[in-house]
Amino acid sequence: MGCLKILVKGVLRGLGYLGYVSMVAEELGIKGWGKYVGDAAEIIAFGDDITLKEFIDRLTCHETLAIVNEVNVEKCSSDASVLHEAFYLIAG
């Protein structure tokens, strides 16, 4: 199982973006969490490589009013690799 840290930048807050992220994560079986950090969404996602690629593709080509300007992806650091049972949204 892989772990990715995804930072999505753009006009996201108040436009249903993190709700969409959570819905897609649940649909694909992605575990982890997402939260807003300033004008970006920070997402930690656990899954197999093929599913994580599809997840990232759907974060970029989404079904919300949000404007995604940039998506940065990197592997999680070793301290982030805690297994989760679901995908959670963190208030912020």
C-alpha atoms as a PDB file:
ATOM      1  CA  MET A   1       0.000   0.000   0.000  1.00  0.00           C
ATOM      2  CA  GLY A   2       1.330   3.417  -0.971  1.00  0.00           C
ATOM      3  CA  CYS A   3       0.946   6.735   0.775  1.00  0.00           C
ATOM      4  CA  LEU A   4       0.861  10.104  -0.979  1.00  0.00           C
ATOM      5  CA  LYS A   5       0.787  13.661   0.321  1.00  0.00           C
ATOM      6  CA  ILE A   6      -1.230  15.751  -2.125  1.00  0.00           C
ATOM      7  CA  LEU A   7      -1.426  19.542  -2.020  1.00  0.00           C
ATOM      8  CA  VAL A   8      -4.151  21.032  -4.215  1.00  0.00           C
ATOM      9  CA  LYS A   9      -3.951  24.812  -4.743  1.00  0.00           C
ATOM     10  CA  GLY A  10      -6.652  27.057  -6.127  1.00  0.00           C
ATOM     11  CA  VAL A  11     -10.048  28.493  -5.265  1.00  0.00           C
ATOM     12  CA  LEU A  12     -11.460  25.624  -3.209  1.00  0.00           C
ATOM     13  CA  ARG A  13     -13.107  26.716   0.059  1.00  0.00           C
ATOM     14  CA  GLY A  14     -16.871  26.954   0.151  1.00  0.00           C
ATOM     15  CA  LEU A  15     -17.259  25.276  -3.237  1.00  0.00           C
ATOM     16  CA  GLY A  16     -17.687  21.652  -2.170  1.00  0.00           C
ATOM     17  CA  TYR A  17     -14.179  20.571  -3.078  1.00  0.00           C
ATOM     18  CA  LEU A  18     -13.243  18.620   0.063  1.00  0.00           C
ATOM     19  CA  GLY A  19     -16.680  17.019   0.132  1.00  0.00           C
ATOM     20  CA  TYR A  20     -16.024  15.854  -3.422  1.00  0.00           C
ATOM     21  CA  VAL A  21     -12.560  14.581  -2.411  1.00  0.00           C
ATOM     22  CA  SER A  22     -14.116  12.591   0.437  1.00  0.00           C
ATOM     23  CA  MET A  23     -16.778  11.114  -1.861  1.00  0.00           C
ATOM     24  CA  VAL A  24     -14.179  10.027  -4.433  1.00  0.00           C
ATOM     25  CA  ALA A  25     -11.933   8.583  -1.716  1.00  0.00           C
ATOM     26  CA  GLU A  26     -14.815   6.517  -0.347  1.00  0.00           C
ATOM     27  CA  GLU A  27     -15.790   5.367  -3.842  1.00  0.00           C
ATOM     28  CA  LEU A  28     -12.222   4.239  -4.624  1.00  0.00           C
ATOM     29  CA  GLY A  29     -11.464   2.799  -1.175  1.00  0.00           C
ATOM     30  CA  ILE A  30      -8.794   5.414  -0.424  1.00  0.00           C
ATOM     31  CA  LYS A  31      -7.969   5.812   3.265  1.00  0.00           C
ATOM     32  CA  GLY A  32      -6.486   8.908   4.926  1.00  0.00           C
ATOM     33  CA  TRP A  33      -7.594  12.482   5.499  1.00  0.00           C
ATOM     34  CA  GLY A  34      -8.045  15.900   3.946  1.00  0.00           C
ATOM     35  CA  LYS A  35      -8.106  19.447   5.299  1.00  0.00           C
ATOM     36  CA  TYR A  36      -7.868  23.032   4.131  1.00  0.00           C
ATOM     37  CA  VAL A  37      -4.590  24.832   4.734  1.00  0.00           C
ATOM     38  CA  GLY A  38      -4.879  28.469   3.655  1.00  0.00           C
ATOM     39  CA  ASP A  39      -6.027  28.497   0.031  1.00  0.00           C
ATOM     40  CA  ALA A  40      -5.014  24.865  -0.507  1.00  0.00           C
ATOM     41  CA  ALA A  41      -6.297  21.412   0.371  1.00  0.00           C
ATOM     42  CA  GLU A  42      -3.814  19.023   1.976  1.00  0.00           C
ATOM     43  CA  ILE A  43      -4.631  15.359   1.486  1.00  0.00           C
ATOM     44  CA  ILE A  44      -2.928  12.229   2.812  1.00  0.00           C
ATOM     45  CA  ALA A  45      -4.044   9.210   0.794  1.00  0.00           C
ATOM     46  CA  PHE A  46      -3.346   5.500   1.299  1.00  0.00           C
ATOM     47  CA  GLY A  47      -4.069   2.970  -1.445  1.00  0.00           C
ATOM     48  CA  ASP A  48      -2.562   0.860  -4.190  1.00  0.00           C
ATOM     49  CA  ASP A  49      -0.667   2.613  -6.992  1.00  0.00           C
ATOM     50  CA  ILE A  50      -3.364   2.250  -9.669  1.00  0.00           C
ATOM     51  CA  THR A  51      -6.117   3.523  -7.363  1.00  0.00           C
ATOM     52  CA  LEU A  52      -3.980   6.446  -6.150  1.00  0.00           C
ATOM     53  CA  LYS A  53      -3.338   7.483  -9.774  1.00  0.00           C
ATOM     54  CA  GLU A  54      -7.071   7.458 -10.521  1.00  0.00           C
ATOM     55  CA  PHE A  55      -7.699   9.424  -7.312  1.00  0.00           C
ATOM     56  CA  ILE A  56      -5.227  12.142  -8.354  1.00  0.00           C
ATOM     57  CA  ASP A  57      -6.729  12.286 -11.853  1.00  0.00           C
ATOM     58  CA  ARG A  58     -10.178  12.843 -10.362  1.00  0.00           C
ATOM     59  CA  LEU A  59      -8.883  15.549  -8.005  1.00  0.00           C
ATOM     60  CA  THR A  60      -7.710  17.486 -11.057  1.00  0.00           C
ATOM     61  CA  CYS A  61     -10.775  16.880 -13.267  1.00  0.00           C
ATOM     62  CA  HIS A  62     -13.477  17.301 -10.640  1.00  0.00           C
ATOM     63  CA  GLU A  63     -17.217  17.891 -10.526  1.00  0.00           C
ATOM     64  CA  THR A  64     -17.352  21.014  -8.351  1.00  0.00           C
ATOM     65  CA  LEU A  65     -17.296  24.785  -8.831  1.00  0.00           C
ATOM     66  CA  ALA A  66     -13.769  24.905  -7.365  1.00  0.00           C
ATOM     67  CA  ILE A  67     -10.860  26.091  -9.489  1.00  0.00           C
ATOM     68  CA  VAL A  68      -7.817  23.825  -9.248  1.00  0.00           C
ATOM     69  CA  ASN A  69      -4.660  25.674 -10.273  1.00  0.00           C
ATOM     70  CA  GLU A  70      -2.008  23.209  -9.155  1.00  0.00           C
ATOM     71  CA  VAL A  71      -1.697  19.676  -7.759  1.00  0.00           C
ATOM     72  CA  ASN A  72       1.575  18.690  -6.078  1.00  0.00           C
ATOM     73  CA  VAL A  73       2.164  15.060  -5.145  1.00  0.00           C
ATOM     74  CA  GLU A  74       4.936  13.503  -3.063  1.00  0.00           C
ATOM     75  CA  LYS A  75       5.399  10.282  -1.154  1.00  0.00           C
ATOM     76  CA  CYS A  76       4.479  10.460   2.514  1.00  0.00           C
ATOM     77  CA  SER A  77       7.178  10.627   5.126  1.00  0.00           C
ATOM     78  CA  SER A  78       7.535   7.537   7.271  1.00  0.00           C
ATOM     79  CA  ASP A  79       5.700   9.169  10.206  1.00  0.00           C
ATOM     80  CA  ALA A  80       2.533   9.582   8.062  1.00  0.00           C
ATOM     81  CA  SER A  81       2.245   5.900   7.220  1.00  0.00           C
ATOM     82  CA  VAL A  82      -0.291   5.041   9.920  1.00  0.00           C
ATOM     83  CA  LEU A  83      -3.119   2.879   8.630  1.00  0.00           C
ATOM     84  CA  HIS A  84      -6.570   4.461   8.621  1.00  0.00           C
ATOM     85  CA  GLU A  85      -9.922   2.719   8.439  1.00  0.00           C
ATOM     86  CA  ALA A  86     -11.609   5.384   6.284  1.00  0.00           C
ATOM     87  CA  PHE A  87     -11.133   8.826   4.729  1.00  0.00           C
ATOM     88  CA  TYR A  88     -11.681  11.708   7.153  1.00  0.00           C
ATOM     89  CA  LEU A  89     -12.135  15.445   6.734  1.00  0.00           C
ATOM     90  CA  ILE A  90     -10.379  17.561   9.344  1.00  0.00           C
ATOM     91  CA  ALA A  91     -11.926  20.935  10.204  1.00  0.00           C
ATOM     92  CA  GLY A  92      -9.558  23.783   9.774  1.00  0.00           C
END
